[in-house]
N, C-alpha and C. Protein backbone atom coordinates (compact mmCIF):
# COMPACT_ATOMS: atom_id res chain seq x y z
N MET A 1 -24.43 -67.87 -80.84
CA MET A 1 -25.47 -68.76 -81.33
C MET A 1 -25.38 -70.09 -80.59
N GLU A 2 -26.52 -70.70 -80.33
CA GLU A 2 -26.57 -72.00 -79.68
C GLU A 2 -26.01 -73.08 -80.61
N ALA A 3 -25.58 -74.17 -80.01
CA ALA A 3 -25.03 -75.29 -80.78
C ALA A 3 -26.10 -76.34 -81.00
N LEU A 4 -26.20 -76.83 -82.22
CA LEU A 4 -27.11 -77.92 -82.54
C LEU A 4 -26.28 -79.03 -83.15
N VAL A 5 -26.33 -80.21 -82.53
CA VAL A 5 -25.55 -81.35 -82.99
C VAL A 5 -26.51 -82.46 -83.41
N ILE A 6 -26.42 -82.86 -84.67
CA ILE A 6 -27.16 -84.02 -85.15
C ILE A 6 -26.28 -85.24 -84.94
N ILE A 7 -26.82 -86.22 -84.28
CA ILE A 7 -26.12 -87.47 -84.02
C ILE A 7 -26.76 -88.53 -84.90
N SER A 8 -25.96 -89.10 -85.79
CA SER A 8 -26.47 -90.10 -86.71
C SER A 8 -25.58 -91.33 -86.69
N GLY A 9 -26.07 -92.41 -87.25
CA GLY A 9 -25.33 -93.66 -87.31
C GLY A 9 -26.30 -94.80 -87.51
N GLU A 10 -25.74 -95.93 -87.84
CA GLU A 10 -26.56 -97.12 -88.08
C GLU A 10 -27.24 -97.57 -86.79
N ARG A 11 -28.23 -98.44 -86.93
CA ARG A 11 -28.91 -99.01 -85.76
C ARG A 11 -27.89 -99.68 -84.85
N PHE A 12 -28.08 -99.51 -83.58
CA PHE A 12 -27.26 -100.12 -82.53
C PHE A 12 -25.80 -99.65 -82.54
N SER A 13 -25.57 -98.46 -83.10
CA SER A 13 -24.20 -97.93 -83.12
C SER A 13 -23.85 -97.19 -81.83
N GLY A 14 -24.86 -96.84 -81.04
CA GLY A 14 -24.60 -96.17 -79.77
C GLY A 14 -25.10 -94.73 -79.70
N LYS A 15 -26.00 -94.33 -80.58
CA LYS A 15 -26.51 -92.95 -80.60
C LYS A 15 -27.24 -92.60 -79.31
N SER A 16 -28.17 -93.45 -78.92
CA SER A 16 -28.94 -93.19 -77.70
C SER A 16 -28.07 -93.29 -76.45
N THR A 17 -27.14 -94.21 -76.47
CA THR A 17 -26.21 -94.34 -75.34
C THR A 17 -25.35 -93.09 -75.22
N LEU A 18 -24.89 -92.56 -76.34
CA LEU A 18 -24.12 -91.32 -76.34
C LEU A 18 -24.96 -90.18 -75.74
N CYS A 19 -26.21 -90.06 -76.14
CA CYS A 19 -27.09 -89.03 -75.57
C CYS A 19 -27.24 -89.22 -74.06
N ARG A 20 -27.50 -90.43 -73.64
CA ARG A 20 -27.68 -90.72 -72.21
C ARG A 20 -26.43 -90.33 -71.42
N ARG A 21 -25.26 -90.62 -71.95
CA ARG A 21 -24.02 -90.28 -71.26
C ARG A 21 -23.79 -88.77 -71.22
N LEU A 22 -24.12 -88.07 -72.29
CA LEU A 22 -23.97 -86.61 -72.32
C LEU A 22 -24.98 -85.93 -71.39
N ILE A 23 -26.17 -86.50 -71.27
CA ILE A 23 -27.15 -86.00 -70.30
C ILE A 23 -26.55 -86.08 -68.90
N ALA A 24 -25.93 -87.21 -68.58
CA ALA A 24 -25.32 -87.39 -67.25
C ALA A 24 -24.22 -86.35 -67.00
N VAL A 25 -23.42 -86.06 -68.02
CA VAL A 25 -22.37 -85.04 -67.88
C VAL A 25 -22.99 -83.69 -67.55
N ALA A 26 -24.00 -83.29 -68.31
CA ALA A 26 -24.64 -82.00 -68.10
C ALA A 26 -25.32 -81.93 -66.74
N GLU A 27 -26.02 -83.00 -66.36
CA GLU A 27 -26.67 -83.03 -65.05
C GLU A 27 -25.64 -82.95 -63.93
N GLY A 28 -24.50 -83.60 -64.13
CA GLY A 28 -23.43 -83.55 -63.14
C GLY A 28 -22.86 -82.15 -62.95
N MET A 29 -23.02 -81.31 -63.95
CA MET A 29 -22.56 -79.92 -63.87
C MET A 29 -23.64 -79.00 -63.30
N GLY A 30 -24.81 -79.55 -63.02
CA GLY A 30 -25.91 -78.74 -62.53
C GLY A 30 -26.65 -78.00 -63.62
N ALA A 31 -26.47 -78.40 -64.87
CA ALA A 31 -27.13 -77.75 -66.00
C ALA A 31 -28.61 -78.12 -66.04
N VAL A 32 -29.40 -77.26 -66.66
CA VAL A 32 -30.80 -77.56 -66.91
C VAL A 32 -30.85 -78.44 -68.16
N VAL A 33 -31.32 -79.66 -67.98
CA VAL A 33 -31.35 -80.64 -69.07
C VAL A 33 -32.81 -81.03 -69.32
N ALA A 34 -33.20 -81.05 -70.59
CA ALA A 34 -34.59 -81.32 -70.94
C ALA A 34 -34.67 -82.07 -72.27
N GLY A 35 -35.86 -82.54 -72.58
CA GLY A 35 -36.09 -83.18 -73.86
C GLY A 35 -36.69 -84.55 -73.73
N LEU A 36 -36.57 -85.32 -74.80
CA LEU A 36 -37.12 -86.67 -74.88
C LEU A 36 -36.04 -87.64 -75.32
N ARG A 37 -36.06 -88.79 -74.67
CA ARG A 37 -35.10 -89.85 -75.01
C ARG A 37 -35.89 -91.14 -75.16
N THR A 38 -35.62 -91.88 -76.23
CA THR A 38 -36.32 -93.16 -76.42
C THR A 38 -35.43 -94.32 -76.03
N GLU A 39 -36.08 -95.39 -75.59
CA GLU A 39 -35.39 -96.62 -75.22
C GLU A 39 -36.04 -97.76 -75.99
N LEU A 40 -35.23 -98.56 -76.63
CA LEU A 40 -35.71 -99.75 -77.34
C LEU A 40 -35.88 -100.87 -76.32
N VAL A 41 -37.11 -101.31 -76.13
CA VAL A 41 -37.40 -102.39 -75.17
C VAL A 41 -37.22 -103.74 -75.84
N ASP A 42 -37.78 -103.88 -77.04
CA ASP A 42 -37.57 -105.06 -77.88
C ASP A 42 -37.77 -104.63 -79.33
N ALA A 43 -37.77 -105.56 -80.25
CA ALA A 43 -37.77 -105.23 -81.68
C ALA A 43 -38.93 -104.34 -82.10
N HIS A 44 -40.04 -104.35 -81.37
CA HIS A 44 -41.22 -103.58 -81.77
C HIS A 44 -41.78 -102.71 -80.65
N THR A 45 -40.99 -102.47 -79.61
CA THR A 45 -41.49 -101.71 -78.46
C THR A 45 -40.51 -100.61 -78.08
N LEU A 46 -41.03 -99.38 -77.96
CA LEU A 46 -40.25 -98.24 -77.53
C LEU A 46 -40.87 -97.64 -76.27
N ARG A 47 -40.00 -97.11 -75.40
CA ARG A 47 -40.41 -96.29 -74.27
C ARG A 47 -39.84 -94.90 -74.50
N VAL A 48 -40.51 -93.91 -73.98
CA VAL A 48 -39.99 -92.55 -74.03
C VAL A 48 -39.73 -92.09 -72.60
N VAL A 49 -38.65 -91.36 -72.43
CA VAL A 49 -38.30 -90.77 -71.15
C VAL A 49 -38.30 -89.26 -71.33
N GLU A 50 -39.09 -88.58 -70.51
CA GLU A 50 -39.05 -87.12 -70.48
C GLU A 50 -37.84 -86.75 -69.62
N VAL A 51 -36.80 -86.27 -70.25
CA VAL A 51 -35.54 -86.03 -69.56
C VAL A 51 -35.72 -85.05 -68.40
N HIS A 52 -36.50 -84.02 -68.58
CA HIS A 52 -36.66 -82.97 -67.59
C HIS A 52 -37.61 -83.32 -66.44
N THR A 53 -38.46 -84.35 -66.61
CA THR A 53 -39.37 -84.74 -65.52
C THR A 53 -39.05 -86.12 -64.97
N GLY A 54 -38.35 -86.93 -65.77
CA GLY A 54 -38.08 -88.31 -65.37
C GLY A 54 -39.21 -89.26 -65.69
N ALA A 55 -40.34 -88.75 -66.16
CA ALA A 55 -41.47 -89.63 -66.51
C ALA A 55 -41.06 -90.55 -67.65
N SER A 56 -41.50 -91.80 -67.56
CA SER A 56 -41.18 -92.80 -68.57
C SER A 56 -42.44 -93.61 -68.84
N TYR A 57 -42.74 -93.84 -70.12
CA TYR A 57 -43.96 -94.56 -70.46
C TYR A 57 -43.83 -95.15 -71.87
N PRO A 58 -44.66 -96.16 -72.18
CA PRO A 58 -44.60 -96.77 -73.52
C PRO A 58 -44.95 -95.76 -74.60
N LEU A 59 -44.20 -95.78 -75.68
CA LEU A 59 -44.45 -94.92 -76.83
C LEU A 59 -45.15 -95.68 -77.96
N THR A 60 -45.13 -97.00 -77.84
CA THR A 60 -45.72 -97.84 -78.88
C THR A 60 -46.80 -98.74 -78.28
N ARG A 61 -47.64 -99.23 -79.16
CA ARG A 61 -48.66 -100.23 -78.80
C ARG A 61 -48.18 -101.58 -79.31
N PRO A 62 -48.85 -102.65 -78.90
CA PRO A 62 -48.43 -103.97 -79.40
C PRO A 62 -48.38 -104.00 -80.92
N TRP A 63 -47.31 -104.57 -81.44
CA TRP A 63 -47.04 -104.57 -82.88
C TRP A 63 -47.79 -105.69 -83.58
N ARG A 64 -48.29 -105.35 -84.75
CA ARG A 64 -48.78 -106.36 -85.68
C ARG A 64 -48.53 -105.84 -87.08
N GLU A 65 -48.11 -106.71 -87.93
CA GLU A 65 -47.72 -106.32 -89.28
C GLU A 65 -48.84 -105.58 -89.99
N GLY A 66 -48.46 -104.48 -90.63
CA GLY A 66 -49.42 -103.69 -91.40
C GLY A 66 -50.30 -102.80 -90.55
N ALA A 67 -50.03 -102.67 -89.26
CA ALA A 67 -50.91 -101.91 -88.37
C ALA A 67 -50.68 -100.41 -88.43
N GLY A 68 -49.58 -99.97 -88.98
CA GLY A 68 -49.31 -98.53 -89.00
C GLY A 68 -48.36 -98.16 -90.11
N PRO A 69 -48.07 -96.86 -90.24
CA PRO A 69 -47.23 -96.40 -91.34
C PRO A 69 -45.73 -96.71 -91.17
N LEU A 70 -45.32 -97.09 -89.96
CA LEU A 70 -43.91 -97.39 -89.72
C LEU A 70 -43.69 -98.90 -89.79
N ARG A 71 -42.57 -99.29 -90.33
CA ARG A 71 -42.27 -100.70 -90.54
C ARG A 71 -42.19 -101.50 -89.25
N ASP A 72 -41.53 -100.96 -88.23
CA ASP A 72 -41.24 -101.75 -87.04
C ASP A 72 -42.08 -101.41 -85.82
N PHE A 73 -42.83 -100.31 -85.85
CA PHE A 73 -43.53 -99.87 -84.65
C PHE A 73 -44.95 -99.42 -84.94
N VAL A 74 -45.83 -99.61 -83.96
CA VAL A 74 -47.17 -99.04 -83.98
C VAL A 74 -47.19 -98.01 -82.86
N MET A 75 -47.20 -96.76 -83.24
CA MET A 75 -47.10 -95.69 -82.27
C MET A 75 -48.41 -95.52 -81.50
N ASP A 76 -48.29 -95.18 -80.23
CA ASP A 76 -49.44 -94.90 -79.38
C ASP A 76 -49.72 -93.40 -79.49
N GLU A 77 -50.84 -93.04 -80.10
CA GLU A 77 -51.14 -91.63 -80.35
C GLU A 77 -51.22 -90.81 -79.07
N ALA A 78 -51.78 -91.38 -78.01
CA ALA A 78 -51.87 -90.65 -76.75
C ALA A 78 -50.48 -90.40 -76.17
N ALA A 79 -49.60 -91.38 -76.26
CA ALA A 79 -48.23 -91.21 -75.77
C ALA A 79 -47.46 -90.20 -76.61
N LEU A 80 -47.68 -90.21 -77.92
CA LEU A 80 -47.05 -89.20 -78.79
C LEU A 80 -47.51 -87.80 -78.40
N ALA A 81 -48.81 -87.64 -78.18
CA ALA A 81 -49.33 -86.33 -77.80
C ALA A 81 -48.78 -85.90 -76.44
N ARG A 82 -48.73 -86.82 -75.49
CA ARG A 82 -48.20 -86.50 -74.16
C ARG A 82 -46.74 -86.08 -74.23
N SER A 83 -45.95 -86.86 -74.96
CA SER A 83 -44.53 -86.55 -75.04
C SER A 83 -44.28 -85.29 -75.86
N ASP A 84 -45.09 -85.03 -76.88
CA ASP A 84 -44.94 -83.79 -77.64
C ASP A 84 -45.25 -82.58 -76.77
N ALA A 85 -46.29 -82.68 -75.94
CA ALA A 85 -46.61 -81.58 -75.02
C ALA A 85 -45.47 -81.37 -74.02
N ALA A 86 -44.89 -82.47 -73.53
CA ALA A 86 -43.75 -82.35 -72.61
C ALA A 86 -42.56 -81.69 -73.31
N LEU A 87 -42.33 -82.04 -74.56
CA LEU A 87 -41.23 -81.44 -75.32
C LEU A 87 -41.47 -79.95 -75.53
N ALA A 88 -42.69 -79.58 -75.86
CA ALA A 88 -43.00 -78.17 -76.11
C ALA A 88 -42.73 -77.30 -74.89
N SER A 89 -42.83 -77.89 -73.70
CA SER A 89 -42.61 -77.11 -72.47
C SER A 89 -41.20 -77.32 -71.90
N ALA A 90 -40.31 -77.93 -72.67
CA ALA A 90 -38.99 -78.33 -72.16
C ALA A 90 -37.96 -77.21 -72.11
N VAL A 91 -38.21 -76.11 -72.78
CA VAL A 91 -37.22 -75.04 -72.81
C VAL A 91 -37.73 -73.84 -72.03
N PRO A 92 -36.83 -73.01 -71.55
CA PRO A 92 -35.40 -72.96 -71.85
C PRO A 92 -34.62 -74.05 -71.12
N ALA A 93 -33.49 -74.42 -71.73
CA ALA A 93 -32.62 -75.45 -71.16
C ALA A 93 -31.19 -75.19 -71.59
N ASP A 94 -30.27 -75.67 -70.78
CA ASP A 94 -28.87 -75.64 -71.19
C ASP A 94 -28.63 -76.71 -72.25
N LEU A 95 -29.16 -77.91 -71.99
CA LEU A 95 -29.03 -79.02 -72.93
C LEU A 95 -30.42 -79.53 -73.27
N LEU A 96 -30.75 -79.55 -74.55
CA LEU A 96 -32.00 -80.10 -75.05
C LEU A 96 -31.66 -81.34 -75.85
N VAL A 97 -32.32 -82.46 -75.54
CA VAL A 97 -32.07 -83.72 -76.23
C VAL A 97 -33.37 -84.19 -76.89
N ILE A 98 -33.28 -84.54 -78.17
CA ILE A 98 -34.41 -85.15 -78.87
C ILE A 98 -33.90 -86.41 -79.54
N ASP A 99 -34.32 -87.53 -78.99
CA ASP A 99 -33.89 -88.86 -79.47
C ASP A 99 -35.15 -89.66 -79.79
N GLU A 100 -35.61 -89.61 -80.94
CA GLU A 100 -35.04 -89.18 -82.20
C GLU A 100 -36.06 -88.46 -83.04
N LEU A 101 -35.58 -87.70 -84.02
CA LEU A 101 -36.43 -87.18 -85.08
C LEU A 101 -36.39 -88.21 -86.20
N GLY A 102 -37.55 -88.71 -86.58
CA GLY A 102 -37.60 -89.78 -87.57
C GLY A 102 -38.57 -89.46 -88.69
N PRO A 103 -39.02 -90.50 -89.38
CA PRO A 103 -39.91 -90.29 -90.53
C PRO A 103 -41.24 -89.65 -90.14
N MET A 104 -41.71 -89.90 -88.92
CA MET A 104 -42.98 -89.28 -88.53
C MET A 104 -42.86 -87.76 -88.55
N GLU A 105 -41.77 -87.23 -88.02
CA GLU A 105 -41.59 -85.78 -87.96
C GLU A 105 -41.10 -85.20 -89.28
N LEU A 106 -40.15 -85.86 -89.91
CA LEU A 106 -39.46 -85.29 -91.07
C LEU A 106 -40.12 -85.60 -92.40
N VAL A 107 -40.92 -86.66 -92.47
CA VAL A 107 -41.56 -87.05 -93.73
C VAL A 107 -43.07 -86.87 -93.66
N MET A 108 -43.68 -87.33 -92.56
CA MET A 108 -45.14 -87.34 -92.45
C MET A 108 -45.73 -86.11 -91.77
N GLY A 109 -44.88 -85.28 -91.12
CA GLY A 109 -45.39 -84.12 -90.41
C GLY A 109 -46.21 -84.48 -89.19
N GLN A 110 -45.91 -85.63 -88.59
CA GLN A 110 -46.64 -86.12 -87.41
C GLN A 110 -45.67 -86.28 -86.25
N GLY A 111 -46.07 -87.03 -85.25
CA GLY A 111 -45.18 -87.34 -84.14
C GLY A 111 -44.92 -86.15 -83.25
N TRP A 112 -43.67 -85.88 -82.97
CA TRP A 112 -43.28 -84.77 -82.11
C TRP A 112 -43.26 -83.48 -82.93
N ARG A 113 -44.44 -82.95 -83.18
CA ARG A 113 -44.60 -81.77 -84.06
C ARG A 113 -43.92 -80.52 -83.53
N SER A 114 -43.76 -80.43 -82.23
CA SER A 114 -43.14 -79.23 -81.65
C SER A 114 -41.62 -79.25 -81.79
N ALA A 115 -41.03 -80.37 -82.18
CA ALA A 115 -39.57 -80.50 -82.19
C ALA A 115 -38.89 -79.51 -83.13
N LEU A 116 -39.30 -79.45 -84.38
CA LEU A 116 -38.62 -78.57 -85.34
C LEU A 116 -38.75 -77.10 -84.96
N PRO A 117 -39.95 -76.59 -84.63
CA PRO A 117 -40.02 -75.19 -84.20
C PRO A 117 -39.19 -74.93 -82.94
N LEU A 118 -39.17 -75.87 -82.03
CA LEU A 118 -38.39 -75.72 -80.80
C LEU A 118 -36.90 -75.62 -81.13
N LEU A 119 -36.42 -76.47 -82.02
CA LEU A 119 -35.01 -76.45 -82.41
C LEU A 119 -34.66 -75.17 -83.17
N ARG A 120 -35.58 -74.69 -83.98
CA ARG A 120 -35.34 -73.43 -84.70
C ARG A 120 -35.34 -72.24 -83.75
N GLY A 121 -36.11 -72.35 -82.67
CA GLY A 121 -36.26 -71.25 -81.73
C GLY A 121 -35.03 -70.95 -80.91
N GLY A 122 -34.22 -71.95 -80.64
CA GLY A 122 -32.94 -71.73 -79.98
C GLY A 122 -33.00 -71.39 -78.50
N ALA A 123 -34.01 -71.82 -77.77
CA ALA A 123 -34.09 -71.54 -76.33
C ALA A 123 -33.31 -72.60 -75.54
N TYR A 124 -32.09 -72.85 -75.99
CA TYR A 124 -31.18 -73.83 -75.40
C TYR A 124 -29.77 -73.39 -75.71
N ARG A 125 -28.81 -73.92 -74.98
CA ARG A 125 -27.41 -73.62 -75.29
C ARG A 125 -26.84 -74.67 -76.23
N VAL A 126 -27.22 -75.93 -75.99
CA VAL A 126 -26.79 -77.05 -76.83
C VAL A 126 -27.99 -77.95 -77.04
N ALA A 127 -28.20 -78.41 -78.28
CA ALA A 127 -29.23 -79.40 -78.58
C ALA A 127 -28.56 -80.60 -79.24
N LEU A 128 -28.91 -81.78 -78.76
CA LEU A 128 -28.48 -83.04 -79.36
C LEU A 128 -29.71 -83.66 -79.99
N VAL A 129 -29.64 -83.97 -81.28
CA VAL A 129 -30.78 -84.50 -82.00
C VAL A 129 -30.35 -85.76 -82.74
N VAL A 130 -30.97 -86.88 -82.41
CA VAL A 130 -30.67 -88.13 -83.10
C VAL A 130 -31.52 -88.21 -84.37
N VAL A 131 -30.85 -88.50 -85.49
CA VAL A 131 -31.51 -88.62 -86.79
C VAL A 131 -30.88 -89.80 -87.52
N ARG A 132 -31.70 -90.68 -88.04
CA ARG A 132 -31.16 -91.82 -88.79
C ARG A 132 -30.49 -91.34 -90.08
N PRO A 133 -29.50 -92.08 -90.57
CA PRO A 133 -28.71 -91.62 -91.73
C PRO A 133 -29.55 -91.24 -92.95
N SER A 134 -30.58 -91.99 -93.25
CA SER A 134 -31.38 -91.72 -94.44
C SER A 134 -32.18 -90.42 -94.36
N LEU A 135 -32.25 -89.81 -93.17
CA LEU A 135 -33.04 -88.59 -92.99
C LEU A 135 -32.21 -87.35 -92.64
N VAL A 136 -30.88 -87.48 -92.61
CA VAL A 136 -30.05 -86.34 -92.21
C VAL A 136 -30.24 -85.15 -93.15
N ALA A 137 -30.24 -85.36 -94.44
CA ALA A 137 -30.42 -84.25 -95.39
C ALA A 137 -31.77 -83.57 -95.18
N GLN A 138 -32.81 -84.35 -94.94
CA GLN A 138 -34.13 -83.77 -94.68
C GLN A 138 -34.14 -82.98 -93.38
N ALA A 139 -33.45 -83.49 -92.37
CA ALA A 139 -33.39 -82.79 -91.08
C ALA A 139 -32.67 -81.45 -91.25
N LEU A 140 -31.55 -81.45 -91.95
CA LEU A 140 -30.80 -80.21 -92.16
C LEU A 140 -31.65 -79.19 -92.91
N ALA A 141 -32.38 -79.64 -93.92
CA ALA A 141 -33.24 -78.73 -94.68
C ALA A 141 -34.38 -78.22 -93.81
N ALA A 142 -34.98 -79.08 -93.01
CA ALA A 142 -36.11 -78.68 -92.16
C ALA A 142 -35.67 -77.74 -91.05
N LEU A 143 -34.46 -77.92 -90.55
CA LEU A 143 -33.96 -77.05 -89.49
C LEU A 143 -33.58 -75.67 -90.02
N ASP A 144 -33.11 -75.63 -91.27
CA ASP A 144 -32.79 -74.37 -91.94
C ASP A 144 -31.93 -73.46 -91.06
N ARG A 145 -30.81 -74.00 -90.63
CA ARG A 145 -29.89 -73.26 -89.75
C ARG A 145 -28.55 -73.08 -90.44
N PRO A 146 -27.91 -71.95 -90.21
CA PRO A 146 -26.62 -71.71 -90.86
C PRO A 146 -25.51 -72.61 -90.31
N ILE A 147 -25.59 -72.99 -89.04
CA ILE A 147 -24.52 -73.79 -88.45
C ILE A 147 -25.14 -74.97 -87.71
N THR A 148 -24.84 -76.16 -88.17
CA THR A 148 -25.27 -77.38 -87.52
C THR A 148 -24.13 -78.38 -87.65
N THR A 149 -23.79 -79.01 -86.55
CA THR A 149 -22.75 -80.04 -86.57
C THR A 149 -23.42 -81.39 -86.70
N THR A 150 -22.90 -82.24 -87.58
CA THR A 150 -23.41 -83.60 -87.71
C THR A 150 -22.28 -84.56 -87.41
N VAL A 151 -22.54 -85.51 -86.50
CA VAL A 151 -21.54 -86.52 -86.17
C VAL A 151 -22.11 -87.89 -86.50
N TRP A 152 -21.23 -88.77 -86.93
CA TRP A 152 -21.59 -90.13 -87.31
C TRP A 152 -21.02 -91.07 -86.25
N VAL A 153 -21.91 -91.77 -85.54
CA VAL A 153 -21.50 -92.66 -84.46
C VAL A 153 -21.30 -94.07 -85.01
N THR A 154 -20.17 -94.66 -84.65
CA THR A 154 -19.90 -96.07 -84.94
C THR A 154 -19.42 -96.73 -83.65
N PRO A 155 -19.47 -98.04 -83.57
CA PRO A 155 -18.93 -98.69 -82.38
C PRO A 155 -17.45 -98.35 -82.17
N GLU A 156 -16.74 -98.09 -83.26
CA GLU A 156 -15.31 -97.80 -83.16
C GLU A 156 -15.01 -96.37 -82.69
N ASN A 157 -15.89 -95.42 -82.99
CA ASN A 157 -15.57 -94.03 -82.64
C ASN A 157 -16.40 -93.46 -81.50
N ARG A 158 -17.33 -94.24 -80.96
CA ARG A 158 -18.26 -93.65 -79.98
C ARG A 158 -17.59 -93.16 -78.71
N GLU A 159 -16.51 -93.80 -78.27
CA GLU A 159 -15.81 -93.31 -77.07
C GLU A 159 -15.10 -92.00 -77.36
N ALA A 160 -14.48 -91.91 -78.52
CA ALA A 160 -13.81 -90.66 -78.89
C ALA A 160 -14.83 -89.53 -79.08
N LEU A 161 -15.98 -89.85 -79.68
CA LEU A 161 -17.03 -88.84 -79.83
C LEU A 161 -17.55 -88.38 -78.47
N PHE A 162 -17.72 -89.32 -77.55
CA PHE A 162 -18.16 -88.95 -76.21
C PHE A 162 -17.17 -87.97 -75.58
N ALA A 163 -15.89 -88.26 -75.67
CA ALA A 163 -14.87 -87.38 -75.09
C ALA A 163 -14.93 -86.00 -75.74
N LEU A 164 -15.01 -85.96 -77.05
CA LEU A 164 -15.05 -84.69 -77.78
C LEU A 164 -16.30 -83.89 -77.44
N LEU A 165 -17.46 -84.54 -77.52
CA LEU A 165 -18.72 -83.83 -77.29
C LEU A 165 -18.90 -83.44 -75.82
N SER A 166 -18.44 -84.27 -74.90
CA SER A 166 -18.58 -83.91 -73.48
C SER A 166 -17.69 -82.71 -73.16
N ALA A 167 -16.49 -82.65 -73.73
CA ALA A 167 -15.62 -81.49 -73.51
C ALA A 167 -16.25 -80.23 -74.10
N ARG A 168 -16.81 -80.34 -75.29
CA ARG A 168 -17.46 -79.19 -75.93
C ARG A 168 -18.68 -78.75 -75.12
N LEU A 169 -19.47 -79.71 -74.68
CA LEU A 169 -20.66 -79.43 -73.87
C LEU A 169 -20.28 -78.72 -72.57
N GLU A 170 -19.29 -79.25 -71.88
CA GLU A 170 -18.83 -78.64 -70.63
C GLU A 170 -18.36 -77.21 -70.87
N GLY A 171 -17.61 -76.97 -71.93
CA GLY A 171 -17.12 -75.63 -72.23
C GLY A 171 -18.25 -74.65 -72.51
N ILE A 172 -19.23 -75.08 -73.27
CA ILE A 172 -20.36 -74.20 -73.59
C ILE A 172 -21.17 -73.90 -72.35
N ILE A 173 -21.46 -74.91 -71.56
CA ILE A 173 -22.26 -74.70 -70.35
C ILE A 173 -21.55 -73.80 -69.36
N ARG A 174 -20.23 -73.96 -69.27
CA ARG A 174 -19.45 -73.10 -68.36
C ARG A 174 -19.20 -71.71 -68.94
N GLY A 175 -19.55 -71.53 -70.21
CA GLY A 175 -19.34 -70.23 -70.84
C GLY A 175 -17.92 -70.02 -71.31
N GLU A 176 -17.17 -71.10 -71.48
CA GLU A 176 -15.75 -71.00 -71.84
C GLU A 176 -15.52 -71.00 -73.35
N GLY A 177 -16.58 -71.26 -74.11
CA GLY A 177 -16.39 -71.32 -75.56
C GLY A 177 -17.66 -70.93 -76.27
N GLU A 178 -17.50 -70.52 -77.47
CA GLU A 178 -18.67 -70.17 -78.28
C GLU A 178 -19.37 -71.44 -78.70
N ALA A 179 -20.69 -71.43 -78.66
CA ALA A 179 -21.48 -72.60 -79.03
C ALA A 179 -21.29 -72.96 -80.50
N ASP A 180 -21.08 -71.98 -81.35
CA ASP A 180 -20.98 -72.28 -82.77
C ASP A 180 -19.54 -72.42 -83.25
N ALA A 181 -18.61 -72.54 -82.32
CA ALA A 181 -17.20 -72.69 -82.71
C ALA A 181 -16.90 -74.10 -83.14
């Protein structure tokens, strides 16, 4: 069975940085790496990076209070649709990264709609999925998988988590270990 790792932690704990570093490890091994990664530009601006194409573009529109259903961001619907289409075509892959599944996907049924079916489908060897702490239980229920690993990132443990997850990732990609071990 493929490995699915939920990466959670408080804001600015290093979740996205951990994903970026693990992407580099997998790419360095020649693995097929795909998915979506978000970058915080400022308090109300996000960019999305299509990991498998390298395309990068704004995911949000200029913020104004009360402009959308999310507290801190006004999502750009065209960018959401573009990135969702890119995600839907991202597999098969050795490493699939989705940074992040949030309230749009897990509560509102919007956003990256292809993410949950893609994760359930298992056309990857390892998937890294960033989920904020308040939504981990909902993510686990929505994924409905018998085996899912959840890690909690803190500034104090992120280096140790990187070492652990990169070793596990390398072993799975090389075929040296079971993904669900």
